[in-house]
């Protein structure tokens, strides 16, 4: 049925041409601003022409709407609709199942003229998580860090055969030791720098290692990563942060 759109008075002066837009104007609204592929977008529009006496309802009997990708480029949906006596129109657009995810712009034309005014919608895919991912790691001594990954479906079955893409972010940890000359504690990497390598204590060394693995029949996997600083004698300690992307056999990816 008919729809009413309220706008600020400053946008539509009632007299004179000084404050009026150069082009005729359209107000377009949708039933919501977020959709999934395959859903239906319901839209309504109200259009007004510009005349010497102010805004006027177009005399045309039809309008054309279109849906464009967010950059205003490719048109992926369009149609013709009847224009009511009060200058309003209604339409529906079925989002294609394989529509590109992202932002889209909806605008309209009347009698071949573009009307100022548009609205934006977003098309996103949301899937309810089917399984959990847990990544656990403990402090270790040595040049190799390990992490344990476990994944199970919420109905209890292990996530057998799922692929893992992991990242281990290594950050060098400085030590604080006494300064024999000033009798103060200071930040340092090598307590015996006078007989070995030296690093700038104000510079934080960080390196990332990536790899792939697969969950076993129990939904478990043990990841291992050798220190990228193992050949640097000035580095004796590092923090390791693990990130695992688990992709099940049906293609859903959960990050742990």
C-alpha atoms as a PDB file:
ATOM      1  CA  UNK A   1       0.000   0.000   0.000  1.00  0.00           C
ATOM      2  CA  UNK A   2       0.964   3.695   0.046  1.00  0.00           C
ATOM      3  CA  UNK A   3       4.061   4.568   2.070  1.00  0.00           C
ATOM      4  CA  UNK A   4       5.065   7.857   3.696  1.00  0.00           C
ATOM      5  CA  UNK A   5       8.694   8.972   3.894  1.00  0.00           C
ATOM      6  CA  UNK A   6       9.556  11.880   6.190  1.00  0.00           C
ATOM      7  CA  UNK A   7      12.485  14.105   5.257  1.00  0.00           C
ATOM      8  CA  UNK A   8      14.151  17.144   6.791  1.00  0.00           C
ATOM      9  CA  UNK A   9      12.502  20.410   5.792  1.00  0.00           C
ATOM     10  CA  UNK A  10      15.856  21.858   4.700  1.00  0.00           C
ATOM     11  CA  UNK A  11      16.069  19.252   1.953  1.00  0.00           C
ATOM     12  CA  UNK A  12      12.818  20.350   0.321  1.00  0.00           C
ATOM     13  CA  UNK A  13      12.207  24.123   0.463  1.00  0.00           C
ATOM     14  CA  UNK A  14       8.613  25.103  -0.249  1.00  0.00           C
ATOM     15  CA  UNK A  15       9.278  28.092  -2.471  1.00  0.00           C
ATOM     16  CA  UNK A  16      11.833  29.596  -4.829  1.00  0.00           C
ATOM     17  CA  UNK A  17      14.523  27.834  -6.828  1.00  0.00           C
ATOM     18  CA  UNK A  18      17.469  28.906  -4.695  1.00  0.00           C
ATOM     19  CA  UNK A  19      17.541  25.848  -2.405  1.00  0.00           C
ATOM     20  CA  UNK A  20      16.163  23.219  -4.777  1.00  0.00           C
ATOM     21  CA  UNK A  21      18.262  20.427  -6.193  1.00  0.00           C
ATOM     22  CA  UNK A  22      19.181  20.664  -9.862  1.00  0.00           C
ATOM     23  CA  UNK A  23      17.718  17.216 -10.532  1.00  0.00           C
ATOM     24  CA  UNK A  24      14.393  15.692  -9.550  1.00  0.00           C
ATOM     25  CA  UNK A  25      14.618  13.687  -6.349  1.00  0.00           C
ATOM     26  CA  UNK A  26      13.764  10.167  -5.198  1.00  0.00           C
ATOM     27  CA  UNK A  27      13.482   8.655  -1.743  1.00  0.00           C
ATOM     28  CA  UNK A  28      13.951   4.862  -1.768  1.00  0.00           C
ATOM     29  CA  UNK A  29      13.492   2.531   1.192  1.00  0.00           C
ATOM     30  CA  UNK A  30      13.767  -1.251   1.610  1.00  0.00           C
ATOM     31  CA  UNK A  31      12.219  -3.624   4.135  1.00  0.00           C
ATOM     32  CA  UNK A  32      15.684  -4.080   5.673  1.00  0.00           C
ATOM     33  CA  UNK A  33      19.307  -3.393   4.763  1.00  0.00           C
ATOM     34  CA  UNK A  34      20.878  -6.872   5.028  1.00  0.00           C
ATOM     35  CA  UNK A  35      20.035  -9.883   2.845  1.00  0.00           C
ATOM     36  CA  UNK A  36      21.361 -13.316   1.989  1.00  0.00           C
ATOM     37  CA  UNK A  37      21.658 -14.776  -1.525  1.00  0.00           C
ATOM     38  CA  UNK A  38      18.278 -16.154  -2.584  1.00  0.00           C
ATOM     39  CA  UNK A  39      16.221 -13.764  -0.447  1.00  0.00           C
ATOM     40  CA  UNK A  40      13.798 -11.115  -1.742  1.00  0.00           C
ATOM     41  CA  UNK A  41      14.399  -7.376  -1.465  1.00  0.00           C
ATOM     42  CA  UNK A  42      11.174  -5.384  -1.090  1.00  0.00           C
ATOM     43  CA  UNK A  43      11.572  -1.732  -2.011  1.00  0.00           C
ATOM     44  CA  UNK A  44       9.445   1.407  -2.241  1.00  0.00           C
ATOM     45  CA  UNK A  45      10.165   4.767  -3.794  1.00  0.00           C
ATOM     46  CA  UNK A  46       8.680   8.265  -3.844  1.00  0.00           C
ATOM     47  CA  UNK A  47       9.724  10.654  -6.622  1.00  0.00           C
ATOM     48  CA  UNK A  48       9.316  14.393  -7.067  1.00  0.00           C
ATOM     49  CA  UNK A  49      10.101  16.779  -9.910  1.00  0.00           C
ATOM     50  CA  UNK A  50      11.452  20.306  -9.516  1.00  0.00           C
ATOM     51  CA  UNK A  51       9.322  23.200 -10.765  1.00  0.00           C
ATOM     52  CA  UNK A  52       9.303  26.974 -10.352  1.00  0.00           C
ATOM     53  CA  UNK A  53       6.748  26.662  -7.569  1.00  0.00           C
ATOM     54  CA  UNK A  54       8.563  23.875  -5.709  1.00  0.00           C
ATOM     55  CA  UNK A  55       8.300  20.092  -5.814  1.00  0.00           C
ATOM     56  CA  UNK A  56       5.735  18.419  -8.058  1.00  0.00           C
ATOM     57  CA  UNK A  57       4.462  14.883  -8.594  1.00  0.00           C
ATOM     58  CA  UNK A  58       5.603  13.526 -11.984  1.00  0.00           C
ATOM     59  CA  UNK A  59       2.936  13.081 -14.644  1.00  0.00           C
ATOM     60  CA  UNK A  60       4.588   9.883 -15.892  1.00  0.00           C
ATOM     61  CA  UNK A  61       2.844   6.563 -15.276  1.00  0.00           C
ATOM     62  CA  UNK A  62       5.858   4.294 -14.848  1.00  0.00           C
ATOM     63  CA  UNK A  63       9.364   4.249 -13.347  1.00  0.00           C
ATOM     64  CA  UNK A  64      12.499   2.152 -13.776  1.00  0.00           C
ATOM     65  CA  UNK A  65      14.545   0.850 -10.849  1.00  0.00           C
ATOM     66  CA  UNK A  66      17.962  -0.786 -10.890  1.00  0.00           C
ATOM     67  CA  UNK A  67      20.364  -2.512  -8.515  1.00  0.00           C
ATOM     68  CA  UNK A  68      24.080  -1.866  -9.026  1.00  0.00           C
ATOM     69  CA  UNK A  69      27.235  -3.170  -7.411  1.00  0.00           C
ATOM     70  CA  UNK A  70      28.529  -0.956  -4.607  1.00  0.00           C
ATOM     71  CA  UNK A  71      30.952   1.001  -6.781  1.00  0.00           C
ATOM     72  CA  UNK A  72      28.064   2.131  -8.987  1.00  0.00           C
ATOM     73  CA  UNK A  73      29.315   0.012 -11.873  1.00  0.00           C
ATOM     74  CA  UNK A  74      27.682  -3.176 -13.123  1.00  0.00           C
ATOM     75  CA  UNK A  75      23.867  -3.387 -13.038  1.00  0.00           C
ATOM     76  CA  UNK A  76      22.729  -6.777 -11.732  1.00  0.00           C
ATOM     77  CA  UNK A  77      18.982  -6.168 -11.413  1.00  0.00           C
ATOM     78  CA  UNK A  78      16.408  -3.826 -12.951  1.00  0.00           C
ATOM     79  CA  UNK A  79      12.738  -3.531 -13.770  1.00  0.00           C
ATOM     80  CA  UNK A  80       9.780  -1.327 -14.714  1.00  0.00           C
ATOM     81  CA  UNK A  81       6.999  -0.492 -12.261  1.00  0.00           C
ATOM     82  CA  UNK A  82       3.811   1.541 -12.308  1.00  0.00           C
ATOM     83  CA  UNK A  83       3.983   5.028 -10.813  1.00  0.00           C
ATOM     84  CA  UNK A  84       1.002   5.876  -8.624  1.00  0.00           C
ATOM     85  CA  UNK A  85      -0.934   9.145  -8.600  1.00  0.00           C
ATOM     86  CA  UNK A  86       1.021  10.297  -5.542  1.00  0.00           C
ATOM     87  CA  UNK A  87       4.378   9.612  -7.233  1.00  0.00           C
ATOM     88  CA  UNK A  88       5.165   6.340  -5.494  1.00  0.00           C
ATOM     89  CA  UNK A  89       6.251   2.909  -6.697  1.00  0.00           C
ATOM     90  CA  UNK A  90       6.870  -0.552  -5.249  1.00  0.00           C
ATOM     91  CA  UNK A  91       9.011  -3.434  -6.498  1.00  0.00           C
ATOM     92  CA  UNK A  92      10.714  -6.666  -5.490  1.00  0.00           C
ATOM     93  CA  UNK A  93      14.091  -8.087  -6.468  1.00  0.00           C
ATOM     94  CA  UNK A  94      15.160 -11.680  -5.907  1.00  0.00           C
ATOM     95  CA  UNK A  95      18.828 -11.780  -4.945  1.00  0.00           C
ATOM     96  CA  UNK A  96      20.597 -14.354  -7.172  1.00  0.00           C
ATOM     97  CA  UNK A  97      21.831 -17.465  -5.372  1.00  0.00           C
ATOM     98  CA  UNK A  98      25.349 -16.799  -6.636  1.00  0.00           C
ATOM     99  CA  UNK A  99      25.304 -13.041  -6.058  1.00  0.00           C
ATOM    100  CA  UNK A 100      28.622 -11.474  -5.130  1.00  0.00           C
ATOM    101  CA  UNK A 101      28.736 -10.630  -1.430  1.00  0.00           C
ATOM    102  CA  UNK A 102      29.067  -6.966  -0.544  1.00  0.00           C
ATOM    103  CA  UNK A 103      27.269  -3.632  -0.874  1.00  0.00           C
ATOM    104  CA  UNK A 104      24.733  -2.639  -3.539  1.00  0.00           C
ATOM    105  CA  UNK A 105      23.030   0.603  -4.610  1.00  0.00           C
ATOM    106  CA  UNK A 106      19.374   0.956  -5.623  1.00  0.00           C
ATOM    107  CA  UNK A 107      18.243   4.000  -7.614  1.00  0.00           C
ATOM    108  CA  UNK A 108      15.508   4.848 -10.124  1.00  0.00           C
ATOM    109  CA  UNK A 109      14.609   6.764 -13.282  1.00  0.00           C
ATOM    110  CA  UNK A 110      11.366   8.296 -14.514  1.00  0.00           C
ATOM    111  CA  UNK A 111      10.728   9.043 -18.198  1.00  0.00           C
ATOM    112  CA  UNK A 112      14.371   8.275 -18.943  1.00  0.00           C
ATOM    113  CA  UNK A 113      15.689  10.823 -16.417  1.00  0.00           C
ATOM    114  CA  UNK A 114      17.955   9.923 -13.510  1.00  0.00           C
ATOM    115  CA  UNK A 115      16.592  10.986 -10.128  1.00  0.00           C
ATOM    116  CA  UNK A 116      18.857  12.086  -7.294  1.00  0.00           C
ATOM    117  CA  UNK A 117      18.586   9.804  -4.297  1.00  0.00           C
ATOM    118  CA  UNK A 118      19.407   6.152  -3.721  1.00  0.00           C
ATOM    119  CA  UNK A 119      19.659   3.583  -0.963  1.00  0.00           C
ATOM    120  CA  UNK A 120      22.237   0.954  -0.071  1.00  0.00           C
ATOM    121  CA  UNK A 121      21.830  -2.671   0.913  1.00  0.00           C
ATOM    122  CA  UNK A 122      24.287  -5.414   1.843  1.00  0.00           C
ATOM    123  CA  UNK A 123      24.309  -9.026   0.726  1.00  0.00           C
ATOM    124  CA  UNK A 124      26.136 -11.336   3.106  1.00  0.00           C
ATOM    125  CA  UNK A 125      26.206 -15.061   3.757  1.00  0.00           C
ATOM    126  CA  UNK A 126      25.790 -16.323   7.302  1.00  0.00           C
ATOM    127  CA  UNK A 127      26.050 -19.952   8.300  1.00  0.00           C
ATOM    128  CA  UNK A 128      25.446 -21.235  11.802  1.00  0.00           C
ATOM    129  CA  UNK A 129      28.710 -22.782  13.110  1.00  0.00           C
ATOM    130  CA  UNK A 130      28.496 -26.573  12.940  1.00  0.00           C
ATOM    131  CA  UNK A 131      31.551 -27.402  15.033  1.00  0.00           C
ATOM    132  CA  UNK A 132      33.940 -26.022  17.629  1.00  0.00           C
ATOM    133  CA  UNK A 133      37.691 -25.427  17.385  1.00  0.00           C
ATOM    134  CA  UNK A 134      40.032 -25.376  20.386  1.00  0.00           C
ATOM    135  CA  UNK A 135      43.750 -24.545  20.171  1.00  0.00           C
ATOM    136  CA  UNK A 136      45.905 -25.200  23.245  1.00  0.00           C
ATOM    137  CA  UNK A 137      49.598 -24.561  23.859  1.00  0.00           C
ATOM    138  CA  UNK A 138      51.842 -24.765  26.926  1.00  0.00           C
ATOM    139  CA  UNK A 139      55.182 -23.158  27.845  1.00  0.00           C
ATOM    140  CA  UNK A 140      58.099 -25.211  26.521  1.00  0.00           C
ATOM    141  CA  UNK A 141      61.883 -25.328  26.652  1.00  0.00           C
ATOM    142  CA  UNK A 142      63.706 -25.802  23.368  1.00  0.00           C
ATOM    143  CA  UNK A 143      63.715 -24.575  19.782  1.00  0.00           C
ATOM    144  CA  UNK A 144      60.336 -26.056  18.752  1.00  0.00           C
ATOM    145  CA  UNK A 145      56.851 -24.940  19.811  1.00  0.00           C
ATOM    146  CA  UNK A 146      53.806 -27.220  19.790  1.00  0.00           C
ATOM    147  CA  UNK A 147      50.046 -26.682  19.805  1.00  0.00           C
ATOM    148  CA  UNK A 148      47.181 -29.134  20.151  1.00  0.00           C
ATOM    149  CA  UNK A 149      44.084 -28.614  17.962  1.00  0.00           C
ATOM    150  CA  UNK A 150      40.776 -30.351  18.651  1.00  0.00           C
ATOM    151  CA  UNK A 151      37.511 -29.990  16.760  1.00  0.00           C
ATOM    152  CA  UNK A 152      34.116 -31.652  17.155  1.00  0.00           C
ATOM    153  CA  UNK A 153      30.630 -31.170  15.781  1.00  0.00           C
ATOM    154  CA  UNK A 154      28.081 -29.884  18.258  1.00  0.00           C
ATOM    155  CA  UNK A 155      26.203 -33.190  18.054  1.00  0.00           C
ATOM    156  CA  UNK A 156      29.332 -34.865  19.463  1.00  0.00           C
ATOM    157  CA  UNK A 157      31.086 -36.472  16.479  1.00  0.00           C
ATOM    158  CA  UNK A 158      34.763 -35.591  15.852  1.00  0.00           C
ATOM    159  CA  UNK A 159      35.554 -33.378  12.862  1.00  0.00           C
ATOM    160  CA  UNK A 160      37.405 -36.169  11.078  1.00  0.00           C
ATOM    161  CA  UNK A 161      39.625 -35.259   8.122  1.00  0.00           C
ATOM    162  CA  UNK A 162      39.150 -31.492   8.395  1.00  0.00           C
ATOM    163  CA  UNK A 163      41.955 -29.385   6.926  1.00  0.00           C
ATOM    164  CA  UNK A 164      43.981 -27.016   9.108  1.00  0.00           C
ATOM    165  CA  UNK A 165      45.876 -23.949   7.978  1.00  0.00           C
ATOM    166  CA  UNK A 166      47.884 -22.659  10.920  1.00  0.00           C
ATOM    167  CA  UNK A 167      50.026 -19.645  11.733  1.00  0.00           C
ATOM    168  CA  UNK A 168      52.562 -19.344  14.533  1.00  0.00           C
ATOM    169  CA  UNK A 169      53.540 -15.782  15.377  1.00  0.00           C
ATOM    170  CA  UNK A 170      56.910 -15.640  17.167  1.00  0.00           C
ATOM    171  CA  UNK A 171      57.783 -12.526  19.179  1.00  0.00           C
ATOM    172  CA  UNK A 172      61.125 -12.207  20.924  1.00  0.00           C
ATOM    173  CA  UNK A 173      60.865 -11.609  24.666  1.00  0.00           C
ATOM    174  CA  UNK A 174      63.454  -9.376  26.280  1.00  0.00           C
ATOM    175  CA  UNK A 175      64.833  -9.924  29.764  1.00  0.00           C
ATOM    176  CA  UNK A 176      65.504  -7.424  32.512  1.00  0.00           C
ATOM    177  CA  UNK A 177      68.829  -7.736  34.274  1.00  0.00           C
ATOM    178  CA  UNK A 178      70.992  -5.648  36.580  1.00  0.00           C
ATOM    179  CA  UNK A 179      73.455  -3.128  35.237  1.00  0.00           C
ATOM    180  CA  UNK A 180      76.669  -3.531  37.235  1.00  0.00           C
ATOM    181  CA  UNK A 181      77.783   0.010  36.444  1.00  0.00           C
ATOM    182  CA  UNK A 182      74.602   1.865  37.434  1.00  0.00           C
ATOM    183  CA  UNK A 183      73.161  -0.786  39.735  1.00  0.00           C
ATOM    184  CA  UNK A 184      69.820  -0.572  37.865  1.00  0.00           C
ATOM    185  CA  UNK A 185      67.654  -3.022  35.979  1.00  0.00           C
ATOM    186  CA  UNK A 186      67.581  -2.627  32.216  1.00  0.00           C
ATOM    187  CA  UNK A 187      65.982  -4.348  29.241  1.00  0.00           C
ATOM    188  CA  UNK A 188      68.266  -6.667  27.306  1.00  0.00           C
ATOM    189  CA  UNK A 189      68.245  -9.758  25.100  1.00  0.00           C
ATOM    190  CA  UNK A 190      71.581 -11.306  26.008  1.00  0.00           C
ATOM    191  CA  UNK A 191      72.764 -11.286  29.607  1.00  0.00           C
ATOM    192  CA  UNK A 192      76.324 -11.878  28.395  1.00  0.00           C
ATOM    193  CA  UNK A 193      76.429  -9.483  25.467  1.00  0.00           C
ATOM    194  CA  UNK A 194      80.090  -8.769  26.093  1.00  0.00           C
ATOM    195  CA  UNK A 195      80.953 -12.280  24.909  1.00  0.00           C
ATOM    196  CA  UNK A 196      78.162 -12.867  22.392  1.00  0.00           C
ATOM    197  CA  UNK A 197      75.713 -11.314  19.913  1.00  0.00           C
ATOM    198  CA  UNK A 198      73.888  -8.136  20.798  1.00  0.00           C
ATOM    199  CA  UNK A 199      70.400  -6.914  19.791  1.00  0.00           C
ATOM    200  CA  UNK A 200      68.788  -3.516  20.128  1.00  0.00           C
ATOM    201  CA  UNK A 201      66.575  -3.841  23.241  1.00  0.00           C
ATOM    202  CA  UNK A 202      64.153  -1.234  21.858  1.00  0.00           C
ATOM    203  CA  UNK A 203      63.417  -3.241  18.700  1.00  0.00           C
ATOM    204  CA  UNK A 204      60.842  -6.037  18.874  1.00  0.00           C
ATOM    205  CA  UNK A 205      61.636  -8.967  16.601  1.00  0.00           C
ATOM    206  CA  UNK A 206      58.557 -10.743  15.176  1.00  0.00           C
ATOM    207  CA  UNK A 207      58.262 -13.492  12.575  1.00  0.00           C
ATOM    208  CA  UNK A 208      55.319 -15.614  11.371  1.00  0.00           C
ATOM    209  CA  UNK A 209      55.477 -19.219  10.184  1.00  0.00           C
ATOM    210  CA  UNK A 210      52.572 -20.926   8.359  1.00  0.00           C
ATOM    211  CA  UNK A 211      51.726 -24.525   7.619  1.00  0.00           C
ATOM    212  CA  UNK A 212      48.992 -27.075   6.912  1.00  0.00           C
ATOM    213  CA  UNK A 213      47.781 -30.180   8.713  1.00  0.00           C
ATOM    214  CA  UNK A 214      44.751 -32.476   8.968  1.00  0.00           C
ATOM    215  CA  UNK A 215      42.637 -33.695  11.882  1.00  0.00           C
ATOM    216  CA  UNK A 216      42.841 -37.427  12.638  1.00  0.00           C
ATOM    217  CA  UNK A 217      40.003 -39.897  13.250  1.00  0.00           C
ATOM    218  CA  UNK A 218      39.511 -38.444  16.734  1.00  0.00           C
ATOM    219  CA  UNK A 219      39.352 -34.836  15.537  1.00  0.00           C
ATOM    220  CA  UNK A 220      42.818 -34.066  16.944  1.00  0.00           C
ATOM    221  CA  UNK A 221      46.065 -32.726  15.506  1.00  0.00           C
ATOM    222  CA  UNK A 222      49.398 -31.735  17.011  1.00  0.00           C
ATOM    223  CA  UNK A 223      51.145 -28.808  15.351  1.00  0.00           C
ATOM    224  CA  UNK A 224      54.867 -28.156  15.612  1.00  0.00           C
ATOM    225  CA  UNK A 225      56.897 -25.162  14.520  1.00  0.00           C
ATOM    226  CA  UNK A 226      60.642 -24.653  14.759  1.00  0.00           C
ATOM    227  CA  UNK A 227      61.811 -21.275  16.019  1.00  0.00           C
ATOM    228  CA  UNK A 228      62.756 -18.841  13.231  1.00  0.00           C
ATOM    229  CA  UNK A 229      65.317 -17.406  15.706  1.00  0.00           C
ATOM    230  CA  UNK A 230      67.074 -20.699  16.495  1.00  0.00           C
ATOM    231  CA  UNK A 231      70.313 -19.578  14.825  1.00  0.00           C
ATOM    232  CA  UNK A 232      70.459 -16.277  16.707  1.00  0.00           C
ATOM    233  CA  UNK A 233      72.411 -16.817  19.919  1.00  0.00           C
ATOM    234  CA  UNK A 234      71.298 -13.445  21.294  1.00  0.00           C
ATOM    235  CA  UNK A 235      67.679 -14.623  21.561  1.00  0.00           C
ATOM    236  CA  UNK A 236      66.893 -16.917  24.432  1.00  0.00           C
ATOM    237  CA  UNK A 237      63.132 -16.539  24.856  1.00  0.00           C
ATOM    238  CA  UNK A 238      60.081 -15.926  22.655  1.00  0.00           C
ATOM    239  CA  UNK A 239      56.301 -15.855  22.900  1.00  0.00           C
ATOM    240  CA  UNK A 240      54.364 -17.919  20.351  1.00  0.00           C
ATOM    241  CA  UNK A 241      50.779 -17.082  19.366  1.00  0.00           C
ATOM    242  CA  UNK A 242      48.904 -19.775  17.424  1.00  0.00           C
ATOM    243  CA  UNK A 243      46.015 -19.339  14.965  1.00  0.00           C
ATOM    244  CA  UNK A 244      44.298 -22.294  13.281  1.00  0.00           C
ATOM    245  CA  UNK A 245      41.719 -22.152  10.477  1.00  0.00           C
ATOM    246  CA  UNK A 246      39.819 -25.455  10.411  1.00  0.00           C
ATOM    247  CA  UNK A 247      37.826 -26.280   7.255  1.00  0.00           C
ATOM    248  CA  UNK A 248      35.429 -29.222   7.485  1.00  0.00           C
ATOM    249  CA  UNK A 249      34.725 -31.642   4.638  1.00  0.00           C
ATOM    250  CA  UNK A 250      31.532 -29.713   3.797  1.00  0.00           C
ATOM    251  CA  UNK A 251      33.527 -26.491   3.333  1.00  0.00           C
ATOM    252  CA  UNK A 252      32.760 -24.494   6.492  1.00  0.00           C
ATOM    253  CA  UNK A 253      35.751 -22.716   8.073  1.00  0.00           C
ATOM    254  CA  UNK A 254      36.035 -21.851  11.775  1.00  0.00           C
ATOM    255  CA  UNK A 255      39.028 -20.052  13.298  1.00  0.00           C
ATOM    256  CA  UNK A 256      40.500 -21.043  16.647  1.00  0.00           C
END
